[in-house]
Amino acid sequence: MKRTIILGVALLFTALLGFLTLYVIFVNREINVLEIISLLVLGLFGFGILGALASPPDDR
């Protein structure tokens, strides 16, 4: 249960950062290198978090 809550909060935080990044891109009507890097890093975070949510926890 604790694992799911932590992963959910991490996913929400990543989604918020993604929204803010896209907001800056659309408000400025241009894209620069830092915004591309930000989207790549957020994609990696999202991929990792979704992978962690999909895999079952270890039995210890």
N, C-alpha and C. Protein backbone atom coordinates (compact mmCIF):
# COMPACT_ATOMS: atom_id res chain seq x y z
N MET A 1 0.82 -1.19 0.00
CA MET A 1 0.00 0.00 0.00
C MET A 1 0.87 1.26 0.00
N LYS A 2 1.88 1.27 0.86
CA LYS A 2 2.76 2.43 0.95
C LYS A 2 3.50 2.65 -0.38
N ARG A 3 3.89 1.53 -1.02
CA ARG A 3 4.60 1.60 -2.29
C ARG A 3 3.73 2.26 -3.37
N THR A 4 2.47 1.89 -3.41
CA THR A 4 1.56 2.44 -4.41
C THR A 4 1.34 3.93 -4.19
N ILE A 5 1.22 4.35 -2.95
CA ILE A 5 1.02 5.77 -2.65
C ILE A 5 2.24 6.58 -3.07
N ILE A 6 3.42 6.09 -2.75
CA ILE A 6 4.65 6.81 -3.10
C ILE A 6 4.81 6.90 -4.61
N LEU A 7 4.53 5.80 -5.32
CA LEU A 7 4.64 5.82 -6.77
C LEU A 7 3.58 6.73 -7.39
N GLY A 8 2.39 6.76 -6.81
CA GLY A 8 1.34 7.65 -7.30
C GLY A 8 1.71 9.11 -7.13
N VAL A 9 2.29 9.45 -5.99
CA VAL A 9 2.73 10.84 -5.76
C VAL A 9 3.85 11.20 -6.73
N ALA A 10 4.77 10.28 -6.97
CA ALA A 10 5.86 10.54 -7.92
C ALA A 10 5.30 10.73 -9.33
N LEU A 11 4.30 9.95 -9.71
CA LEU A 11 3.68 10.09 -11.02
C LEU A 11 2.96 11.43 -11.14
N LEU A 12 2.25 11.84 -10.10
CA LEU A 12 1.57 13.14 -10.12
C LEU A 12 2.58 14.29 -10.21
N PHE A 13 3.68 14.19 -9.47
CA PHE A 13 4.71 15.22 -9.51
C PHE A 13 5.32 15.32 -10.91
N THR A 14 5.58 14.18 -11.53
CA THR A 14 6.13 14.16 -12.88
C THR A 14 5.13 14.74 -13.88
N ALA A 15 3.86 14.41 -13.72
CA ALA A 15 2.83 14.96 -14.60
C ALA A 15 2.72 16.47 -14.44
N LEU A 16 2.82 16.96 -13.21
CA LEU A 16 2.78 18.41 -12.97
C LEU A 16 3.95 19.11 -13.65
N LEU A 17 5.15 18.55 -13.51
CA LEU A 17 6.31 19.14 -14.17
C LEU A 17 6.17 19.10 -15.69
N GLY A 18 5.60 18.03 -16.21
CA GLY A 18 5.34 17.94 -17.65
C GLY A 18 4.35 19.00 -18.11
N PHE A 19 3.28 19.20 -17.34
CA PHE A 19 2.31 20.23 -17.67
C PHE A 19 2.95 21.61 -17.68
N LEU A 20 3.76 21.89 -16.66
CA LEU A 20 4.41 23.20 -16.58
C LEU A 20 5.40 23.41 -17.73
N THR A 21 6.10 22.36 -18.11
CA THR A 21 7.03 22.46 -19.24
C THR A 21 6.27 22.74 -20.53
N LEU A 22 5.19 22.02 -20.77
CA LEU A 22 4.39 22.25 -21.98
C LEU A 22 3.74 23.63 -21.95
N TYR A 23 3.35 24.10 -20.78
CA TYR A 23 2.77 25.43 -20.65
C TYR A 23 3.78 26.50 -21.09
N VAL A 24 5.02 26.36 -20.64
CA VAL A 24 6.06 27.32 -21.01
C VAL A 24 6.31 27.27 -22.52
N ILE A 25 6.32 26.08 -23.08
CA ILE A 25 6.55 25.95 -24.53
C ILE A 25 5.43 26.64 -25.30
N PHE A 26 4.17 26.43 -24.92
CA PHE A 26 3.06 27.01 -25.67
C PHE A 26 2.89 28.50 -25.42
N VAL A 27 3.22 28.99 -24.23
CA VAL A 27 3.11 30.42 -23.95
C VAL A 27 4.18 31.19 -24.72
N ASN A 28 5.41 30.66 -24.74
CA ASN A 28 6.49 31.34 -25.45
C ASN A 28 6.41 31.14 -26.96
N ARG A 29 5.63 30.17 -27.41
CA ARG A 29 5.46 29.83 -28.83
C ARG A 29 6.78 29.51 -29.51
N GLU A 30 7.71 29.01 -28.73
CA GLU A 30 8.98 28.54 -29.28
C GLU A 30 9.54 27.50 -28.32
N ILE A 31 10.48 26.73 -28.81
CA ILE A 31 11.07 25.68 -27.98
C ILE A 31 12.59 25.83 -28.06
N ASN A 32 13.25 25.64 -26.92
CA ASN A 32 14.71 25.73 -26.91
C ASN A 32 15.30 24.42 -26.38
N VAL A 33 16.60 24.39 -26.28
CA VAL A 33 17.31 23.16 -25.91
C VAL A 33 16.94 22.70 -24.50
N LEU A 34 16.83 23.63 -23.56
CA LEU A 34 16.51 23.25 -22.18
C LEU A 34 15.12 22.62 -22.06
N GLU A 35 14.18 23.08 -22.86
CA GLU A 35 12.85 22.49 -22.83
C GLU A 35 12.85 21.09 -23.43
N ILE A 36 13.64 20.87 -24.45
CA ILE A 36 13.78 19.52 -25.03
C ILE A 36 14.40 18.58 -24.01
N ILE A 37 15.45 19.04 -23.33
CA ILE A 37 16.08 18.21 -22.29
C ILE A 37 15.09 17.92 -21.17
N SER A 38 14.31 18.92 -20.78
CA SER A 38 13.31 18.73 -19.73
C SER A 38 12.29 17.66 -20.13
N LEU A 39 11.82 17.70 -21.37
CA LEU A 39 10.86 16.70 -21.83
C LEU A 39 11.48 15.30 -21.87
N LEU A 40 12.74 15.21 -22.25
CA LEU A 40 13.42 13.91 -22.27
C LEU A 40 13.57 13.34 -20.86
N VAL A 41 13.98 14.18 -19.92
CA VAL A 41 14.14 13.73 -18.53
C VAL A 41 12.79 13.32 -17.94
N LEU A 42 11.75 14.11 -18.21
CA LEU A 42 10.42 13.76 -17.70
C LEU A 42 9.92 12.47 -18.33
N GLY A 43 10.25 12.25 -19.60
CA GLY A 43 9.89 10.98 -20.24
C GLY A 43 10.57 9.80 -19.58
N LEU A 44 11.85 9.97 -19.24
CA LEU A 44 12.57 8.90 -18.54
C LEU A 44 11.96 8.64 -17.16
N PHE A 45 11.64 9.71 -16.44
CA PHE A 45 11.00 9.55 -15.13
C PHE A 45 9.68 8.81 -15.27
N GLY A 46 8.86 9.25 -16.21
CA GLY A 46 7.55 8.63 -16.41
C GLY A 46 7.66 7.17 -16.79
N PHE A 47 8.61 6.85 -17.67
CA PHE A 47 8.82 5.46 -18.09
C PHE A 47 9.22 4.60 -16.90
N GLY A 48 10.11 5.11 -16.06
CA GLY A 48 10.55 4.37 -14.88
C GLY A 48 9.45 4.20 -13.86
N ILE A 49 8.67 5.25 -13.63
CA ILE A 49 7.59 5.17 -12.65
C ILE A 49 6.50 4.21 -13.11
N LEU A 50 6.12 4.29 -14.39
CA LEU A 50 5.11 3.37 -14.90
C LEU A 50 5.62 1.94 -14.88
N GLY A 51 6.90 1.74 -15.14
CA GLY A 51 7.48 0.40 -15.05
C GLY A 51 7.45 -0.13 -13.62
N ALA A 52 7.71 0.75 -12.66
CA ALA A 52 7.66 0.34 -11.26
C ALA A 52 6.23 0.02 -10.82
N LEU A 53 5.27 0.76 -11.35
CA LEU A 53 3.87 0.48 -11.01
C LEU A 53 3.41 -0.84 -11.62
N ALA A 54 3.94 -1.19 -12.79
CA ALA A 54 3.51 -2.40 -13.48
C ALA A 54 4.12 -3.66 -12.88
N SER A 55 5.29 -3.55 -12.27
CA SER A 55 5.94 -4.74 -11.72
C SER A 55 5.50 -4.97 -10.27
N PRO A 56 5.29 -6.21 -9.91
CA PRO A 56 4.87 -6.49 -8.53
C PRO A 56 6.02 -6.29 -7.55
N PRO A 57 5.71 -6.00 -6.29
CA PRO A 57 6.78 -5.82 -5.29
C PRO A 57 7.47 -7.14 -4.98
N ASP A 58 8.70 -7.05 -4.53
CA ASP A 58 9.46 -8.24 -4.15
C ASP A 58 8.89 -8.84 -2.88
N ASP A 59 8.88 -10.16 -2.82
CA ASP A 59 8.46 -10.86 -1.60
C ASP A 59 9.67 -11.11 -0.73
N ARG A 60 9.72 -10.47 0.41
CA ARG A 60 10.87 -10.64 1.31
C ARG A 60 10.40 -11.08 2.65
